[in-house]
Amino acid sequence: MEEFGFALRVAREKRGLTQTQVMQLTGINNKTLSGYENGVSEPDLQTLATLLRLYHASADRLLRLESRPQARGLSADEAQLLALYRALPEETRGEVSAMLRALADHHREST
């Protein structure tokens, strides 16, 4: 349930929405939305459909039905990093890639 909550938060942030804006647009209160995003509870199907429409998100992708990270050989941490990377604007992704390459190079040089 934690991964699902994280995916909901990433989808909201990718659309540039705050929890307050989601509340204003959908009527879902902040505490409830926070519970979804923190893995404390899950939305019912109607609420999930509302959020998917608002976030312009695919249920398969959000629920990770298209392909599980473990099936692709990714750990939960790697899948989370990938989701965060995908949530970044295109122009920021290059900066993140450069930083990761620099960290990897530094690690190789120090071992």
C-alpha atoms as a PDB file:
ATOM      1  CA  MET A   1       0.000   0.000   0.000  1.00  0.00           C
ATOM      2  CA  GLU A   2       2.989   2.294   0.632  1.00  0.00           C
ATOM      3  CA  GLU A   3       4.111   2.143  -3.019  1.00  0.00           C
ATOM      4  CA  PHE A   4       0.570   2.968  -4.159  1.00  0.00           C
ATOM      5  CA  GLY A   5       0.461   6.003  -1.867  1.00  0.00           C
ATOM      6  CA  PHE A   6       3.838   7.137  -3.154  1.00  0.00           C
ATOM      7  CA  ALA A   7       2.612   6.735  -6.736  1.00  0.00           C
ATOM      8  CA  LEU A   8      -0.448   8.875  -5.938  1.00  0.00           C
ATOM      9  CA  ARG A   9       1.750  11.618  -4.492  1.00  0.00           C
ATOM     10  CA  VAL A  10       4.108  11.543  -7.479  1.00  0.00           C
ATOM     11  CA  ALA A  11       1.149  11.724  -9.893  1.00  0.00           C
ATOM     12  CA  ARG A  12      -0.258  14.735  -8.005  1.00  0.00           C
ATOM     13  CA  GLU A  13       3.094  16.499  -7.915  1.00  0.00           C
ATOM     14  CA  LYS A  14       3.718  15.750 -11.586  1.00  0.00           C
ATOM     15  CA  ARG A  15       0.543  17.708 -12.364  1.00  0.00           C
ATOM     16  CA  GLY A  16       1.853  20.545 -10.156  1.00  0.00           C
ATOM     17  CA  LEU A  17      -1.013  20.277  -7.679  1.00  0.00           C
ATOM     18  CA  THR A  18      -0.980  20.755  -3.926  1.00  0.00           C
ATOM     19  CA  GLN A  19      -3.192  18.706  -1.625  1.00  0.00           C
ATOM     20  CA  THR A  20      -5.254  21.858  -1.006  1.00  0.00           C
ATOM     21  CA  GLN A  21      -5.814  22.315  -4.739  1.00  0.00           C
ATOM     22  CA  VAL A  22      -6.905  18.673  -5.043  1.00  0.00           C
ATOM     23  CA  MET A  23      -9.357  19.249  -2.194  1.00  0.00           C
ATOM     24  CA  GLN A  24     -10.767  22.312  -3.945  1.00  0.00           C
ATOM     25  CA  LEU A  25     -11.125  20.474  -7.253  1.00  0.00           C
ATOM     26  CA  THR A  26     -12.479  17.171  -5.932  1.00  0.00           C
ATOM     27  CA  GLY A  27     -13.883  17.714  -2.440  1.00  0.00           C
ATOM     28  CA  ILE A  28     -11.473  15.122  -0.993  1.00  0.00           C
ATOM     29  CA  ASN A  29     -10.206  16.654   2.248  1.00  0.00           C
ATOM     30  CA  ASN A  30      -6.494  17.067   2.926  1.00  0.00           C
ATOM     31  CA  LYS A  31      -6.423  14.546   5.770  1.00  0.00           C
ATOM     32  CA  THR A  32      -7.996  11.860   3.599  1.00  0.00           C
ATOM     33  CA  LEU A  33      -5.679  12.597   0.661  1.00  0.00           C
ATOM     34  CA  SER A  34      -2.692  12.587   2.999  1.00  0.00           C
ATOM     35  CA  GLY A  35      -3.805   9.173   4.280  1.00  0.00           C
ATOM     36  CA  TYR A  36      -3.884   7.857   0.721  1.00  0.00           C
ATOM     37  CA  GLU A  37      -0.456   9.260  -0.087  1.00  0.00           C
ATOM     38  CA  ASN A  38       1.095   7.951   3.141  1.00  0.00           C
ATOM     39  CA  GLY A  39      -0.267   4.449   2.678  1.00  0.00           C
ATOM     40  CA  VAL A  40      -2.575   4.662   5.702  1.00  0.00           C
ATOM     41  CA  SER A  41      -5.697   4.074   3.612  1.00  0.00           C
ATOM     42  CA  GLU A  42      -6.740   3.561  -0.004  1.00  0.00           C
ATOM     43  CA  PRO A  43      -9.375   5.395  -2.034  1.00  0.00           C
ATOM     44  CA  ASP A  44     -12.527   3.625  -3.128  1.00  0.00           C
ATOM     45  CA  LEU A  45     -12.911   3.032  -6.867  1.00  0.00           C
ATOM     46  CA  GLN A  46     -14.953   6.167  -7.502  1.00  0.00           C
ATOM     47  CA  THR A  47     -12.419   8.345  -5.670  1.00  0.00           C
ATOM     48  CA  LEU A  48      -9.535   6.630  -7.457  1.00  0.00           C
ATOM     49  CA  ALA A  49     -11.217   7.311 -10.808  1.00  0.00           C
ATOM     50  CA  THR A  50     -11.625  10.984  -9.842  1.00  0.00           C
ATOM     51  CA  LEU A  51      -7.933  11.254  -8.920  1.00  0.00           C
ATOM     52  CA  LEU A  52      -6.814   9.452 -12.085  1.00  0.00           C
ATOM     53  CA  ARG A  53      -8.806  11.855 -14.257  1.00  0.00           C
ATOM     54  CA  LEU A  54      -7.456  14.878 -12.375  1.00  0.00           C
ATOM     55  CA  TYR A  55      -3.860  13.629 -12.513  1.00  0.00           C
ATOM     56  CA  HIS A  56      -4.165  12.457 -16.148  1.00  0.00           C
ATOM     57  CA  ALA A  57      -2.754   9.156 -14.917  1.00  0.00           C
ATOM     58  CA  SER A  58      -3.257   5.583 -16.044  1.00  0.00           C
ATOM     59  CA  ALA A  59      -4.648   3.106 -13.526  1.00  0.00           C
ATOM     60  CA  ASP A  60      -2.330   0.416 -14.889  1.00  0.00           C
ATOM     61  CA  ARG A  61       0.685   2.615 -14.386  1.00  0.00           C
ATOM     62  CA  LEU A  62      -0.376   3.935 -10.988  1.00  0.00           C
ATOM     63  CA  LEU A  63      -1.227   0.468  -9.711  1.00  0.00           C
ATOM     64  CA  ARG A  64       1.883  -0.917 -11.423  1.00  0.00           C
ATOM     65  CA  LEU A  65      -0.129  -3.503 -13.313  1.00  0.00           C
ATOM     66  CA  GLU A  66       1.734  -2.964 -16.576  1.00  0.00           C
ATOM     67  CA  SER A  67       4.946  -4.401 -15.186  1.00  0.00           C
ATOM     68  CA  ARG A  68       6.088  -4.749 -11.618  1.00  0.00           C
ATOM     69  CA  PRO A  69       9.503  -3.242 -10.816  1.00  0.00           C
ATOM     70  CA  GLN A  70      10.655  -6.585  -9.411  1.00  0.00           C
ATOM     71  CA  ALA A  71       9.754  -8.232 -12.721  1.00  0.00           C
ATOM     72  CA  ARG A  72      12.077  -5.745 -14.387  1.00  0.00           C
ATOM     73  CA  GLY A  73      14.788  -6.598 -11.864  1.00  0.00           C
ATOM     74  CA  LEU A  74      14.343  -3.405  -9.813  1.00  0.00           C
ATOM     75  CA  SER A  75      14.341  -3.254  -6.033  1.00  0.00           C
ATOM     76  CA  ALA A  76      11.724  -1.117  -4.276  1.00  0.00           C
ATOM     77  CA  ASP A  77      14.350   1.620  -3.753  1.00  0.00           C
ATOM     78  CA  GLU A  78      15.299   1.562  -7.437  1.00  0.00           C
ATOM     79  CA  ALA A  79      11.646   1.728  -8.461  1.00  0.00           C
ATOM     80  CA  GLN A  80      11.119   4.700  -6.140  1.00  0.00           C
ATOM     81  CA  LEU A  81      14.146   6.494  -7.602  1.00  0.00           C
ATOM     82  CA  LEU A  82      12.860   5.802 -11.106  1.00  0.00           C
ATOM     83  CA  ALA A  83       9.423   7.182 -10.217  1.00  0.00           C
ATOM     84  CA  LEU A  84      11.000  10.323  -8.755  1.00  0.00           C
ATOM     85  CA  TYR A  85      13.178  10.735 -11.858  1.00  0.00           C
ATOM     86  CA  ARG A  86      10.158  10.372 -14.137  1.00  0.00           C
ATOM     87  CA  ALA A  87       8.292  13.006 -12.113  1.00  0.00           C
ATOM     88  CA  LEU A  88      11.029  15.577 -12.823  1.00  0.00           C
ATOM     89  CA  PRO A  89      10.731  18.088 -15.647  1.00  0.00           C
ATOM     90  CA  GLU A  90      12.713  17.049 -18.718  1.00  0.00           C
ATOM     91  CA  GLU A  91      15.288  19.831 -18.279  1.00  0.00           C
ATOM     92  CA  THR A  92      16.080  18.695 -14.717  1.00  0.00           C
ATOM     93  CA  ARG A  93      16.603  15.056 -15.653  1.00  0.00           C
ATOM     94  CA  GLY A  94      19.908  15.840 -17.389  1.00  0.00           C
ATOM     95  CA  GLU A  95      21.214  17.532 -14.241  1.00  0.00           C
ATOM     96  CA  VAL A  96      20.251  14.541 -12.108  1.00  0.00           C
ATOM     97  CA  SER A  97      21.900  12.139 -14.552  1.00  0.00           C
ATOM     98  CA  ALA A  98      25.098  14.201 -14.493  1.00  0.00           C
ATOM     99  CA  MET A  99      25.136  14.224 -10.681  1.00  0.00           C
ATOM    100  CA  LEU A 100      24.629  10.457 -10.541  1.00  0.00           C
ATOM    101  CA  ARG A 101      27.453   9.890 -13.040  1.00  0.00           C
ATOM    102  CA  ALA A 102      29.740  12.129 -10.971  1.00  0.00           C
ATOM    103  CA  LEU A 103      28.855  10.228  -7.788  1.00  0.00           C
ATOM    104  CA  ALA A 104      29.455   6.876  -9.473  1.00  0.00           C
ATOM    105  CA  ASP A 105      32.808   8.062 -10.856  1.00  0.00           C
ATOM    106  CA  HIS A 106      33.841   9.364  -7.429  1.00  0.00           C
ATOM    107  CA  HIS A 107      32.867   6.062  -5.808  1.00  0.00           C
ATOM    108  CA  ARG A 108      34.875   4.076  -8.407  1.00  0.00           C
ATOM    109  CA  GLU A 109      37.908   6.281  -7.862  1.00  0.00           C
ATOM    110  CA  SER A 110      37.764   5.964  -4.075  1.00  0.00           C
ATOM    111  CA  THR A 111      37.522   2.156  -4.030  1.00  0.00           C
END
